[in-house]
Amino acid sequence: MTPHGHYRTFLAGCRCDICAGRLPHGTGTGYSMWRCRCDVCREANRRRQGQYELRRHRGISPWGDRDKVLAHIRQLVADGLTYNAIAKAGGYRSHSHIDHILSVKQITKATERRILAIRPTQVPPGMLIPAIGCRRRLKALARMGWSCDAIADHVHCDPRTLRSILGGDQQKARKSVVDKVAQFYDTHSMTMGPSIQARVQAERKQWPPPLAWDDHDLDDPKGQARAFARIKR
């Protein structure tokens, strides 16, 4: 079921406050996607059509590389961005614009520029992102004697959150927490921690130590601790 605030819900006849509030009046999108025929949307669409005709007369193609844009969106999603986060980073009002980009056969160069300019670092600190890299860092730090409680004291977060991530109960975590753990890992992964118990338990569970990980593999779902595998053979 399409949620409220989506242009398809609006086209289906819903005029609730959420749907009506998301309608981008005064834009070509409001005219073409939401099919609004108010005066400001008509004028915005007239200007857009005029610009299109001018570029066509000059032999300038208005169309961008759709495949490149779709590949970039897929990579952003793999990096943890939701459609709402991508839309916000691109200056759009809602995820319905991203849905539209995915559904059309052609996109404009302006859309291409806006989407390709989005980077994973634009994720809001409170956004939930995949916790796999954070979990791997916590396990590697445990091999060095760093317990979740000790790490939490340094990064100023709830140790219960770190334990939930470490145990696999929490598959996503706030970006702010993931970033703090990554920064702690960068500065302490080669330093022995204070907890012998954490180190013994990590060794018993055969969690890979920091030296087993290449940095680029930590956040890659397909990444493996190859160095650790060689050590164990």
C-alpha atoms as a PDB file:
ATOM      1  CA  MET A   1       0.000   0.000   0.000  1.00  0.00           C
ATOM      2  CA  THR A   2       1.413   3.371  -1.016  1.00  0.00           C
ATOM      3  CA  PRO A   3       1.852   5.610   2.072  1.00  0.00           C
ATOM      4  CA  HIS A   4       0.327   9.034   2.569  1.00  0.00           C
ATOM      5  CA  GLY A   5       2.444  11.850   1.204  1.00  0.00           C
ATOM      6  CA  HIS A   6       3.292   9.901  -1.944  1.00  0.00           C
ATOM      7  CA  TYR A   7       2.195  11.349  -5.256  1.00  0.00           C
ATOM      8  CA  ARG A   8       0.508   8.078  -6.246  1.00  0.00           C
ATOM      9  CA  THR A   9      -1.692   8.309  -3.153  1.00  0.00           C
ATOM     10  CA  PHE A  10      -2.561  11.871  -4.147  1.00  0.00           C
ATOM     11  CA  LEU A  11      -3.421  10.758  -7.693  1.00  0.00           C
ATOM     12  CA  ALA A  12      -5.641   8.044  -6.248  1.00  0.00           C
ATOM     13  CA  GLY A  13      -7.791  10.802  -4.748  1.00  0.00           C
ATOM     14  CA  CYS A  14      -6.467  11.266  -1.209  1.00  0.00           C
ATOM     15  CA  ARG A  15      -6.545  14.878  -0.070  1.00  0.00           C
ATOM     16  CA  CYS A  16      -5.551  14.443   3.553  1.00  0.00           C
ATOM     17  CA  ASP A  17      -3.289  17.037   5.198  1.00  0.00           C
ATOM     18  CA  ILE A  18      -0.191  14.861   4.641  1.00  0.00           C
ATOM     19  CA  CYS A  19      -0.810  14.315   0.929  1.00  0.00           C
ATOM     20  CA  ALA A  20      -1.936  17.862   0.254  1.00  0.00           C
ATOM     21  CA  GLY A  21       0.997  19.247   2.245  1.00  0.00           C
ATOM     22  CA  ARG A  22       3.546  17.321   0.161  1.00  0.00           C
ATOM     23  CA  LEU A  23       2.250  18.725  -3.151  1.00  0.00           C
ATOM     24  CA  PRO A  24       5.114  20.923  -4.473  1.00  0.00           C
ATOM     25  CA  HIS A  25       3.114  23.883  -5.798  1.00  0.00           C
ATOM     26  CA  GLY A  26       4.901  26.167  -8.191  1.00  0.00           C
ATOM     27  CA  THR A  27       7.085  23.474  -9.732  1.00  0.00           C
ATOM     28  CA  GLY A  28       7.068  21.450 -12.912  1.00  0.00           C
ATOM     29  CA  THR A  29       6.975  18.377 -10.690  1.00  0.00           C
ATOM     30  CA  GLY A  30       3.707  19.534  -9.177  1.00  0.00           C
ATOM     31  CA  TYR A  31       2.270  19.805 -12.676  1.00  0.00           C
ATOM     32  CA  SER A  32       3.679  16.623 -14.214  1.00  0.00           C
ATOM     33  CA  MET A  33       3.897  14.152 -11.305  1.00  0.00           C
ATOM     34  CA  TRP A  34       1.123  15.355  -9.015  1.00  0.00           C
ATOM     35  CA  ARG A  35      -1.003  16.618 -11.935  1.00  0.00           C
ATOM     36  CA  CYS A  36      -1.880  19.836 -10.169  1.00  0.00           C
ATOM     37  CA  ARG A  37      -3.438  22.387 -12.519  1.00  0.00           C
ATOM     38  CA  CYS A  38      -3.349  25.467 -10.301  1.00  0.00           C
ATOM     39  CA  ASP A  39      -2.052  28.698 -11.852  1.00  0.00           C
ATOM     40  CA  VAL A  40       1.403  28.557 -10.208  1.00  0.00           C
ATOM     41  CA  CYS A  41       2.017  24.963 -11.316  1.00  0.00           C
ATOM     42  CA  ARG A  42       0.826  25.772 -14.844  1.00  0.00           C
ATOM     43  CA  GLU A  43       3.213  28.730 -14.995  1.00  0.00           C
ATOM     44  CA  ALA A  44       6.127  26.633 -13.673  1.00  0.00           C
ATOM     45  CA  ASN A  45       5.428  23.971 -16.284  1.00  0.00           C
ATOM     46  CA  ARG A  46       5.191  26.627 -19.040  1.00  0.00           C
ATOM     47  CA  ARG A  47       8.641  27.948 -18.061  1.00  0.00           C
ATOM     48  CA  ARG A  48      10.070  24.435 -18.011  1.00  0.00           C
ATOM     49  CA  GLN A  49       8.644  23.684 -21.454  1.00  0.00           C
ATOM     50  CA  GLY A  50      10.094  26.943 -22.762  1.00  0.00           C
ATOM     51  CA  GLN A  51      13.542  26.042 -21.472  1.00  0.00           C
ATOM     52  CA  TYR A  52      13.238  22.594 -23.027  1.00  0.00           C
ATOM     53  CA  GLU A  53      12.301  24.033 -26.420  1.00  0.00           C
ATOM     54  CA  LEU A  54      15.180  26.512 -26.260  1.00  0.00           C
ATOM     55  CA  ARG A  55      17.699  23.732 -25.537  1.00  0.00           C
ATOM     56  CA  ARG A  56      16.204  21.586 -28.298  1.00  0.00           C
ATOM     57  CA  HIS A  57      16.456  24.481 -30.771  1.00  0.00           C
ATOM     58  CA  ARG A  58      20.130  24.873 -29.845  1.00  0.00           C
ATOM     59  CA  GLY A  59      20.757  21.150 -30.250  1.00  0.00           C
ATOM     60  CA  ILE A  60      21.396  20.582 -26.540  1.00  0.00           C
ATOM     61  CA  SER A  61      19.996  17.307 -25.223  1.00  0.00           C
ATOM     62  CA  PRO A  62      18.199  17.727 -21.881  1.00  0.00           C
ATOM     63  CA  TRP A  63      18.533  14.061 -20.961  1.00  0.00           C
ATOM     64  CA  GLY A  64      21.019  12.648 -18.497  1.00  0.00           C
ATOM     65  CA  ASP A  65      22.523   9.189 -18.020  1.00  0.00           C
ATOM     66  CA  ARG A  66      19.732   7.220 -16.342  1.00  0.00           C
ATOM     67  CA  ASP A  67      21.829   4.081 -15.819  1.00  0.00           C
ATOM     68  CA  LYS A  68      24.519   6.042 -14.004  1.00  0.00           C
ATOM     69  CA  VAL A  69      21.919   7.681 -11.757  1.00  0.00           C
ATOM     70  CA  LEU A  70      20.218   4.378 -10.918  1.00  0.00           C
ATOM     71  CA  ALA A  71      23.577   2.789 -10.115  1.00  0.00           C
ATOM     72  CA  HIS A  72      24.405   5.705  -7.807  1.00  0.00           C
ATOM     73  CA  ILE A  73      21.055   5.415  -6.024  1.00  0.00           C
ATOM     74  CA  ARG A  74      21.635   1.680  -5.516  1.00  0.00           C
ATOM     75  CA  GLN A  75      25.078   2.421  -4.061  1.00  0.00           C
ATOM     76  CA  LEU A  76      23.643   5.065  -1.726  1.00  0.00           C
ATOM     77  CA  VAL A  77      21.051   2.557  -0.500  1.00  0.00           C
ATOM     78  CA  ALA A  78      23.811  -0.028   0.026  1.00  0.00           C
ATOM     79  CA  ASP A  79      25.680   2.592   2.064  1.00  0.00           C
ATOM     80  CA  GLY A  80      22.665   2.930   4.336  1.00  0.00           C
ATOM     81  CA  LEU A  81      20.660   5.828   2.936  1.00  0.00           C
ATOM     82  CA  THR A  82      16.901   5.512   2.701  1.00  0.00           C
ATOM     83  CA  TYR A  83      14.935   7.074  -0.148  1.00  0.00           C
ATOM     84  CA  ASN A  84      13.866   9.830   2.251  1.00  0.00           C
ATOM     85  CA  ALA A  85      17.504  10.572   3.112  1.00  0.00           C
ATOM     86  CA  ILE A  86      18.478  10.609  -0.572  1.00  0.00           C
ATOM     87  CA  ALA A  87      15.594  12.937  -1.386  1.00  0.00           C
ATOM     88  CA  LYS A  88      16.509  15.279   1.475  1.00  0.00           C
ATOM     89  CA  ALA A  89      20.188  15.337   0.471  1.00  0.00           C
ATOM     90  CA  GLY A  90      19.185  16.077  -3.121  1.00  0.00           C
ATOM     91  CA  GLY A  91      16.960  18.978  -2.134  1.00  0.00           C
ATOM     92  CA  TYR A  92      13.689  17.177  -2.878  1.00  0.00           C
ATOM     93  CA  ARG A  93      10.685  17.383  -0.602  1.00  0.00           C
ATOM     94  CA  SER A  94       9.904  13.673  -0.270  1.00  0.00           C
ATOM     95  CA  HIS A  95      10.919  10.174  -1.341  1.00  0.00           C
ATOM     96  CA  SER A  96       8.243  10.290  -4.055  1.00  0.00           C
ATOM     97  CA  HIS A  97      10.763  12.106  -6.270  1.00  0.00           C
ATOM     98  CA  ILE A  98      13.173   9.182  -5.950  1.00  0.00           C
ATOM     99  CA  ASP A  99      10.357   6.741  -6.710  1.00  0.00           C
ATOM    100  CA  HIS A 100       9.582   8.784  -9.821  1.00  0.00           C
ATOM    101  CA  ILE A 101      13.218   8.764 -10.949  1.00  0.00           C
ATOM    102  CA  LEU A 102      13.286   4.977 -10.625  1.00  0.00           C
ATOM    103  CA  SER A 103      10.103   4.552 -12.643  1.00  0.00           C
ATOM    104  CA  VAL A 104      10.675   6.860 -15.629  1.00  0.00           C
ATOM    105  CA  LYS A 105      12.621   5.945 -18.771  1.00  0.00           C
ATOM    106  CA  GLN A 106      14.455   9.252 -19.053  1.00  0.00           C
ATOM    107  CA  ILE A 107      15.803  11.773 -16.581  1.00  0.00           C
ATOM    108  CA  THR A 108      17.004  15.305 -17.115  1.00  0.00           C
ATOM    109  CA  LYS A 109      20.588  16.434 -16.796  1.00  0.00           C
ATOM    110  CA  ALA A 110      19.566  18.603 -13.856  1.00  0.00           C
ATOM    111  CA  THR A 111      18.277  15.525 -12.029  1.00  0.00           C
ATOM    112  CA  GLU A 112      21.457  13.649 -12.915  1.00  0.00           C
ATOM    113  CA  ARG A 113      23.616  16.420 -11.416  1.00  0.00           C
ATOM    114  CA  ARG A 114      21.568  16.556  -8.218  1.00  0.00           C
ATOM    115  CA  ILE A 115      21.601  12.817  -7.604  1.00  0.00           C
ATOM    116  CA  LEU A 116      25.262  12.228  -8.492  1.00  0.00           C
ATOM    117  CA  ALA A 117      26.261  15.036  -6.118  1.00  0.00           C
ATOM    118  CA  ILE A 118      24.818  13.136  -3.125  1.00  0.00           C
ATOM    119  CA  ARG A 119      27.380  11.407  -0.904  1.00  0.00           C
ATOM    120  CA  PRO A 120      26.868   8.921   1.971  1.00  0.00           C
ATOM    121  CA  THR A 121      28.383  11.486   4.354  1.00  0.00           C
ATOM    122  CA  GLN A 122      25.215  13.528   3.952  1.00  0.00           C
ATOM    123  CA  VAL A 123      23.279  11.018   6.059  1.00  0.00           C
ATOM    124  CA  PRO A 124      21.750  12.808   9.087  1.00  0.00           C
ATOM    125  CA  PRO A 125      23.377  11.732  12.409  1.00  0.00           C
ATOM    126  CA  GLY A 126      20.093  10.252  13.621  1.00  0.00           C
ATOM    127  CA  MET A 127      19.525   8.148  10.511  1.00  0.00           C
ATOM    128  CA  LEU A 128      19.610   4.370  10.950  1.00  0.00           C
ATOM    129  CA  ILE A 129      22.267   2.682   8.812  1.00  0.00           C
ATOM    130  CA  PRO A 130      23.552  -0.927   8.579  1.00  0.00           C
ATOM    131  CA  ALA A 131      25.509  -1.900  11.705  1.00  0.00           C
ATOM    132  CA  ILE A 132      27.654  -4.658  10.172  1.00  0.00           C
ATOM    133  CA  GLY A 133      30.822  -2.552  10.148  1.00  0.00           C
ATOM    134  CA  CYS A 134      30.191  -1.380  13.694  1.00  0.00           C
ATOM    135  CA  ARG A 135      29.689  -4.999  14.839  1.00  0.00           C
ATOM    136  CA  ARG A 136      32.926  -6.118  13.209  1.00  0.00           C
ATOM    137  CA  ARG A 137      34.832  -3.286  14.879  1.00  0.00           C
ATOM    138  CA  LEU A 138      33.358  -4.115  18.281  1.00  0.00           C
ATOM    139  CA  LYS A 139      34.361  -7.775  17.892  1.00  0.00           C
ATOM    140  CA  ALA A 140      37.879  -6.841  16.814  1.00  0.00           C
ATOM    141  CA  LEU A 141      38.200  -4.417  19.712  1.00  0.00           C
ATOM    142  CA  ALA A 142      37.009  -7.163  22.084  1.00  0.00           C
ATOM    143  CA  ARG A 143      39.964  -9.278  20.924  1.00  0.00           C
ATOM    144  CA  MET A 144      42.151  -6.423  22.144  1.00  0.00           C
ATOM    145  CA  GLY A 145      40.430  -6.327  25.534  1.00  0.00           C
ATOM    146  CA  TRP A 146      37.939  -3.548  24.910  1.00  0.00           C
ATOM    147  CA  SER A 147      34.516  -4.325  26.394  1.00  0.00           C
ATOM    148  CA  CYS A 148      31.350  -2.542  25.328  1.00  0.00           C
ATOM    149  CA  ASP A 149      31.254  -0.756  28.686  1.00  0.00           C
ATOM    150  CA  ALA A 150      34.796   0.548  28.256  1.00  0.00           C
ATOM    151  CA  ILE A 151      34.118   1.705  24.698  1.00  0.00           C
ATOM    152  CA  ALA A 152      30.839   3.342  25.727  1.00  0.00           C
ATOM    153  CA  ASP A 153      32.694   5.358  28.393  1.00  0.00           C
ATOM    154  CA  HIS A 154      34.998   6.744  25.720  1.00  0.00           C
ATOM    155  CA  VAL A 155      32.413   7.459  23.006  1.00  0.00           C
ATOM    156  CA  HIS A 156      29.694   8.617  25.430  1.00  0.00           C
ATOM    157  CA  CYS A 157      26.867   6.331  24.382  1.00  0.00           C
ATOM    158  CA  ASP A 158      24.676   3.708  26.044  1.00  0.00           C
ATOM    159  CA  PRO A 159      26.619   0.423  26.523  1.00  0.00           C
ATOM    160  CA  ARG A 160      23.369  -1.484  26.045  1.00  0.00           C
ATOM    161  CA  THR A 161      23.243  -0.177  22.484  1.00  0.00           C
ATOM    162  CA  LEU A 162      26.767  -1.443  21.799  1.00  0.00           C
ATOM    163  CA  ARG A 163      25.988  -4.841  23.347  1.00  0.00           C
ATOM    164  CA  SER A 164      22.869  -5.101  21.198  1.00  0.00           C
ATOM    165  CA  ILE A 165      24.905  -4.337  18.072  1.00  0.00           C
ATOM    166  CA  LEU A 166      27.670  -6.734  19.097  1.00  0.00           C
ATOM    167  CA  GLY A 167      25.225  -9.575  19.711  1.00  0.00           C
ATOM    168  CA  GLY A 168      23.507  -9.100  16.366  1.00  0.00           C
ATOM    169  CA  ASP A 169      20.153  -8.148  17.887  1.00  0.00           C
ATOM    170  CA  GLN A 170      20.389  -4.714  16.287  1.00  0.00           C
ATOM    171  CA  GLN A 171      20.995  -4.855  12.540  1.00  0.00           C
ATOM    172  CA  LYS A 172      20.897  -1.073  12.128  1.00  0.00           C
ATOM    173  CA  ALA A 173      22.241   1.707  14.309  1.00  0.00           C
ATOM    174  CA  ARG A 174      22.228   5.470  14.339  1.00  0.00           C
ATOM    175  CA  LYS A 175      24.919   6.962  12.157  1.00  0.00           C
ATOM    176  CA  SER A 176      26.226   8.992  15.093  1.00  0.00           C
ATOM    177  CA  VAL A 177      26.889   5.786  17.077  1.00  0.00           C
ATOM    178  CA  VAL A 178      28.472   4.009  14.107  1.00  0.00           C
ATOM    179  CA  ASP A 179      30.756   6.994  13.467  1.00  0.00           C
ATOM    180  CA  LYS A 180      31.840   7.187  17.116  1.00  0.00           C
ATOM    181  CA  VAL A 181      32.735   3.496  17.216  1.00  0.00           C
ATOM    182  CA  ALA A 182      34.632   3.815  13.921  1.00  0.00           C
ATOM    183  CA  GLN A 183      36.633   6.759  15.278  1.00  0.00           C
ATOM    184  CA  PHE A 184      37.423   4.865  18.474  1.00  0.00           C
ATOM    185  CA  TYR A 185      38.499   1.855  16.422  1.00  0.00           C
ATOM    186  CA  ASP A 186      40.841   3.996  14.333  1.00  0.00           C
ATOM    187  CA  THR A 187      42.631   5.305  17.416  1.00  0.00           C
ATOM    188  CA  HIS A 188      42.516   2.275  19.761  1.00  0.00           C
ATOM    189  CA  SER A 189      42.508  -0.855  17.590  1.00  0.00           C
ATOM    190  CA  MET A 190      46.236  -1.379  18.169  1.00  0.00           C
ATOM    191  CA  THR A 191      46.040  -0.622  21.901  1.00  0.00           C
ATOM    192  CA  MET A 192      45.296  -3.285  24.510  1.00  0.00           C
ATOM    193  CA  GLY A 193      42.118  -2.599  26.480  1.00  0.00           C
ATOM    194  CA  PRO A 194      41.532  -3.060  30.208  1.00  0.00           C
ATOM    195  CA  SER A 195      39.203  -6.100  30.082  1.00  0.00           C
ATOM    196  CA  ILE A 196      40.828  -9.531  30.223  1.00  0.00           C
ATOM    197  CA  GLN A 197      37.375 -11.110  30.267  1.00  0.00           C
ATOM    198  CA  ALA A 198      36.407  -9.424  26.985  1.00  0.00           C
ATOM    199  CA  ARG A 199      39.623 -10.621  25.362  1.00  0.00           C
ATOM    200  CA  VAL A 200      39.222 -14.219  26.589  1.00  0.00           C
ATOM    201  CA  GLN A 201      35.597 -14.430  25.440  1.00  0.00           C
ATOM    202  CA  ALA A 202      36.467 -12.973  22.020  1.00  0.00           C
ATOM    203  CA  GLU A 203      39.303 -15.470  21.596  1.00  0.00           C
ATOM    204  CA  ARG A 204      37.005 -18.324  22.577  1.00  0.00           C
ATOM    205  CA  LYS A 205      34.469 -17.215  19.974  1.00  0.00           C
ATOM    206  CA  GLN A 206      37.292 -16.780  17.433  1.00  0.00           C
ATOM    207  CA  TRP A 207      36.374 -13.227  16.558  1.00  0.00           C
ATOM    208  CA  PRO A 208      38.894 -11.753  14.082  1.00  0.00           C
ATOM    209  CA  PRO A 209      41.331  -9.224  15.602  1.00  0.00           C
ATOM    210  CA  PRO A 210      41.982  -5.810  14.030  1.00  0.00           C
ATOM    211  CA  LEU A 211      45.000  -7.053  12.076  1.00  0.00           C
ATOM    212  CA  ALA A 212      42.722  -9.559  10.342  1.00  0.00           C
ATOM    213  CA  TRP A 213      40.695  -6.807   8.685  1.00  0.00           C
ATOM    214  CA  ASP A 214      41.490  -4.596   5.753  1.00  0.00           C
ATOM    215  CA  ASP A 215      39.871  -1.215   6.323  1.00  0.00           C
ATOM    216  CA  HIS A 216      37.844  -1.349   3.106  1.00  0.00           C
ATOM    217  CA  ASP A 217      36.348  -4.730   4.076  1.00  0.00           C
ATOM    218  CA  LEU A 218      34.973  -3.708   7.472  1.00  0.00           C
ATOM    219  CA  ASP A 219      31.834  -2.044   6.116  1.00  0.00           C
ATOM    220  CA  ASP A 220      31.457  -4.275   3.079  1.00  0.00           C
ATOM    221  CA  PRO A 221      28.793  -6.976   3.681  1.00  0.00           C
ATOM    222  CA  LYS A 222      30.846  -9.300   1.455  1.00  0.00           C
ATOM    223  CA  GLY A 223      34.118  -8.449   3.176  1.00  0.00           C
ATOM    224  CA  GLN A 224      36.002 -11.188   5.014  1.00  0.00           C
ATOM    225  CA  ALA A 225      38.772 -11.262   7.594  1.00  0.00           C
ATOM    226  CA  ARG A 226      41.267 -12.844   5.199  1.00  0.00           C
ATOM    227  CA  ALA A 227      44.313 -12.301   7.369  1.00  0.00           C
ATOM    228  CA  PHE A 228      42.600 -14.091  10.250  1.00  0.00           C
ATOM    229  CA  ALA A 229      41.764 -17.021   7.961  1.00  0.00           C
ATOM    230  CA  ARG A 230      45.463 -17.319   7.038  1.00  0.00           C
ATOM    231  CA  ILE A 231      46.502 -17.197  10.662  1.00  0.00           C
ATOM    232  CA  LYS A 232      44.129 -19.998  11.609  1.00  0.00           C
ATOM    233  CA  ARG A 233      45.291 -22.384   8.877  1.00  0.00           C
END
